[in-house]
Protein backbone atom coordinates (compact mmCIF):
# COMPACT_ATOMS: atom_id res chain seq x y z
CA UNK A 1 -4.37 13.14 43.88
CA UNK A 2 -8.07 12.23 42.97
CA UNK A 3 -8.66 15.97 41.96
CA UNK A 4 -5.55 15.90 39.65
CA UNK A 5 -6.96 12.73 37.98
CA UNK A 6 -10.50 14.26 37.64
CA UNK A 7 -8.83 17.41 35.86
CA UNK A 8 -6.69 15.53 33.87
CA UNK A 9 -9.35 13.19 32.32
CA UNK A 10 -11.18 15.89 30.06
CA UNK A 11 -7.72 17.09 28.92
CA UNK A 12 -6.72 13.69 27.84
CA UNK A 13 -10.03 13.26 25.97
CA UNK A 14 -9.49 16.43 24.22
CA UNK A 15 -5.93 15.46 23.29
CA UNK A 16 -7.12 12.15 22.02
CA UNK A 17 -9.58 14.01 19.80
CA UNK A 18 -6.83 16.12 18.46
CA UNK A 19 -4.63 13.09 17.75
CA UNK A 20 -7.27 11.24 15.99
CA UNK A 21 -7.79 14.54 13.68
CA UNK A 22 -4.30 14.14 13.00
CA UNK A 23 -4.39 10.78 11.82
CA UNK A 24 -2.82 9.13 14.95
CA UNK A 25 -4.50 5.67 15.43
CA UNK A 26 -4.33 3.16 18.34
CA UNK A 27 -1.55 1.43 16.58
CA UNK A 28 0.85 4.18 17.00
CA UNK A 29 0.66 4.06 20.87
CA UNK A 30 2.53 0.93 21.29
CA UNK A 31 5.85 2.23 19.24
CA UNK A 32 5.64 5.44 21.04
CA UNK A 33 5.84 3.70 24.58
CA UNK A 34 8.68 1.62 23.41
CA UNK A 35 10.47 4.80 22.11
CA UNK A 36 9.73 6.28 25.41
CA UNK A 37 11.33 3.52 27.46
CA UNK A 38 14.55 3.37 25.13
CA UNK A 39 14.93 7.24 25.53
CA UNK A 40 14.56 7.10 29.27
CA UNK A 41 16.75 3.94 29.43
CA UNK A 42 19.54 5.73 27.34
CA UNK A 43 19.64 8.77 29.30
CA UNK A 44 19.03 7.32 32.82
CA UNK A 45 20.55 3.66 32.75
CA UNK A 46 20.70 3.50 36.44
CA UNK A 47 17.79 5.28 37.74
CA UNK A 48 15.30 4.06 35.09
CA UNK A 49 14.85 0.59 36.63
CA UNK A 50 12.00 -1.99 36.28
CA UNK A 51 10.07 -0.42 38.96
CA UNK A 52 10.13 3.19 37.34
CA UNK A 53 9.32 1.53 34.02
CA UNK A 54 6.36 -0.39 35.29
CA UNK A 55 5.03 2.74 36.48
CA UNK A 56 5.20 4.56 33.44
CA UNK A 57 3.63 1.72 31.64
CA UNK A 58 0.64 1.92 34.07
CA UNK A 59 0.47 5.90 33.46
CA UNK A 60 0.83 5.67 29.85
CA UNK A 61 -1.79 2.50 29.31
CA UNK A 62 -4.25 4.57 31.56
CA UNK A 63 -3.77 7.69 29.40
CA UNK A 64 -4.01 5.90 26.29
CA UNK A 65 -7.33 4.19 27.03
CA UNK A 66 -8.87 7.66 27.95
CA UNK A 67 -7.30 9.24 24.71
CA UNK A 68 -8.59 6.62 22.49
CA UNK A 69 -11.99 5.98 24.25
CA UNK A 70 -11.70 2.23 23.52
CA UNK A 71 -10.15 -0.87 25.11
CA UNK A 72 -6.63 -1.63 24.16
CA UNK A 73 -7.32 -5.01 22.34
CA UNK A 74 -6.14 -3.95 19.04
CA UNK A 75 -2.74 -2.50 20.14
CA UNK A 76 -0.79 -6.00 21.00
CA UNK A 77 1.88 -4.36 23.25
CA UNK A 78 -0.42 -1.88 25.13
CA UNK A 79 -2.85 -4.92 25.45
CA UNK A 80 -0.42 -6.99 27.12
CA UNK A 81 0.43 -4.25 29.64
CA UNK A 82 -3.16 -3.29 30.28
CA UNK A 83 -4.14 -6.98 31.06
CA UNK A 84 -1.14 -7.16 33.39
CA UNK A 85 -1.06 -3.77 35.20
CA UNK A 86 -4.80 -2.79 35.26
CA UNK A 87 -6.09 -5.81 36.65
CA UNK A 88 -7.31 -5.01 40.32
CA UNK A 89 -6.67 -8.58 41.33
CA UNK A 90 -2.94 -8.47 40.12
CA UNK A 91 -0.13 -9.16 42.75
CA UNK A 92 2.51 -6.61 42.49
CA UNK A 93 5.01 -8.46 44.71
CA UNK A 94 7.12 -9.32 41.72
CA UNK A 95 8.31 -5.79 41.68
CA UNK A 96 9.95 -6.10 45.29
CA UNK A 97 12.89 -8.19 44.34
CA UNK A 98 14.71 -10.15 41.55
CA UNK A 99 13.90 -13.49 43.28
CA UNK A 100 10.18 -12.85 43.44
CA UNK A 101 10.33 -11.39 40.04
CA UNK A 102 11.63 -14.63 38.31
CA UNK A 103 9.29 -16.86 40.48
CA UNK A 104 6.22 -14.88 39.16
CA UNK A 105 5.09 -15.94 35.53
CA UNK A 106 3.96 -12.09 34.89
CA UNK A 107 7.16 -10.88 36.58
CA UNK A 108 9.30 -13.07 34.31
CA UNK A 109 7.63 -12.06 31.21
CA UNK A 110 7.71 -8.36 32.30
CA UNK A 111 11.60 -8.64 33.19
CA UNK A 112 12.19 -10.45 29.83
CA UNK A 113 10.67 -7.42 28.06
CA UNK A 114 12.59 -4.91 30.30
CA UNK A 115 15.86 -6.64 29.56
CA UNK A 116 15.28 -6.80 25.99
CA UNK A 117 14.43 -2.88 25.90
CA UNK A 118 17.65 -2.25 27.83
CA UNK A 119 19.89 -4.22 25.32
CA UNK A 120 20.16 -7.37 27.22
CA UNK A 121 18.79 -9.78 24.76
CA UNK A 122 21.44 -12.34 25.75
CA UNK A 123 20.44 -12.33 29.44
CA UNK A 124 16.53 -12.34 28.53
CA UNK A 125 17.02 -15.38 26.40
CA UNK A 126 18.98 -17.29 28.95
CA UNK A 127 16.66 -16.66 31.60
CA UNK A 128 13.99 -17.92 29.44
CA UNK A 129 15.89 -20.98 28.72
CA UNK A 130 16.73 -21.75 32.12
CA UNK A 131 13.04 -21.44 33.31
CA UNK A 132 12.34 -24.15 30.71
CA UNK A 133 15.08 -26.21 32.04
CA UNK A 134 13.62 -26.02 35.54
CA UNK A 135 10.30 -26.70 34.25
CA UNK A 136 11.14 -30.16 32.74
CA UNK A 137 10.03 -33.35 34.55
CA UNK A 138 12.36 -35.97 33.08
CA UNK A 139 16.25 -36.27 32.83
CA UNK A 140 15.96 -36.64 28.86
CA UNK A 141 14.00 -33.44 28.61
CA UNK A 142 16.31 -31.63 30.88
CA UNK A 143 19.22 -32.90 28.96
CA UNK A 144 17.67 -31.69 25.50
CA UNK A 145 17.18 -28.14 27.09
CA UNK A 146 20.52 -28.29 28.75
CA UNK A 147 22.06 -28.64 25.26
CA UNK A 148 20.13 -25.76 23.98
CA UNK A 149 21.36 -23.55 26.85
CA UNK A 150 24.96 -24.59 26.18
CA UNK A 151 25.05 -24.07 22.46
CA UNK A 152 23.01 -20.60 22.75
CA UNK A 153 24.30 -19.07 25.98
CA UNK A 154 27.33 -20.78 27.64
CA UNK A 155 29.63 -21.40 24.52
CA UNK A 156 31.69 -18.32 23.67
CA UNK A 157 30.48 -18.59 20.12
CA UNK A 158 27.06 -19.23 21.21
CA UNK A 159 24.34 -17.10 19.30
CA UNK A 160 23.58 -15.19 22.75
CA UNK A 161 26.69 -15.89 24.58
CA UNK A 162 26.51 -14.51 28.11
CA UNK A 163 29.25 -12.62 30.07
CA UNK A 164 30.14 -15.01 32.60
CA UNK A 165 33.68 -15.63 34.35
CA UNK A 166 36.01 -18.31 32.40
CA UNK A 167 36.20 -20.52 35.43
CA UNK A 168 32.30 -20.70 35.46
CA UNK A 169 32.15 -21.25 31.72
CA UNK A 170 34.58 -24.04 31.72
CA UNK A 171 33.31 -25.93 34.67
CA UNK A 172 29.76 -25.82 33.21
CA UNK A 173 30.99 -26.86 29.73
CA UNK A 174 33.02 -29.87 31.36
CA UNK A 175 29.87 -30.97 33.27
CA UNK A 176 27.90 -31.04 30.19
CA UNK A 177 30.50 -32.75 28.24
CA UNK A 178 30.48 -35.65 30.66
CA UNK A 179 26.69 -35.85 30.05
CA UNK A 180 27.15 -35.84 26.27
CA UNK A 181 29.67 -38.73 26.63
CA UNK A 182 27.09 -40.66 28.75
CA UNK A 183 24.13 -39.88 26.17
CA UNK A 184 26.46 -41.15 23.15
CA UNK A 185 27.31 -44.30 24.96
CA UNK A 186 23.50 -44.78 26.00
CA UNK A 187 24.51 -45.00 29.47
CA UNK A 188 21.85 -44.15 32.35
CA UNK A 189 22.61 -40.54 33.47
CA UNK A 190 20.91 -38.13 35.90
CA UNK A 191 20.60 -34.59 35.14
CA UNK A 192 20.79 -32.44 38.32
CA UNK A 193 18.40 -29.57 38.23
CA UNK A 194 21.34 -27.46 39.75
CA UNK A 195 23.50 -28.10 36.71
CA UNK A 196 23.70 -24.35 35.98
CA UNK A 197 23.66 -23.26 39.61
CA UNK A 198 26.96 -21.28 39.50
CA UNK A 199 25.86 -19.55 36.15
CA UNK A 200 22.55 -18.63 37.80
CA UNK A 201 24.59 -17.12 40.70
CA UNK A 202 26.80 -14.96 38.40
CA UNK A 203 23.85 -14.06 36.28
CA UNK A 204 21.80 -12.82 39.43
CA UNK A 205 24.96 -10.96 40.77
CA UNK A 206 25.29 -9.29 37.06
CA UNK A 207 21.70 -8.36 37.04
CA UNK A 208 21.59 -7.01 40.49
CA UNK A 209 24.68 -5.02 39.84
CA UNK A 210 23.47 -3.31 36.73
């Protein structure tokens, strides 16, 4: 493998020089990588999972750095990939399971990008909102974020309504309605951190299934 890398290096340098002569700049590599992901996702929707996508990111980023002969601090998308994937101290455990992925700040960021590139914007947005909900430290803060989750992801006409069962949707809306009534009446209320527990369970099953 080391010999393959050594032999590939001069070829990538020459290819990079050829690209520069053709007018291809560093700014072109980010869109190229995104197009590559979208193409593989379209033709291999099951096999092109987050682990494979991450490997492609690492390979592409290393090749781009060799070809351009410069750090990727000017290409915003590749810069994010480079900082995450090429850091020797980086913990890669987040690739082992969905649970570990969602617990890792890097894993969540990478997973949201992955979902958005596989046409699951609504799931990515819901996961970001639910992470924000769990990070709140007071009932009032959790209530405000819960409102956003309901309006954005749970209501059928929500901007990014997620695909959950009728029972789960109605149960969650009912719980939130009771909290809304207490809020309007200025009654004391406690926001359970497990308010969206059943929604989260359904979303996990959906993600793992697909």
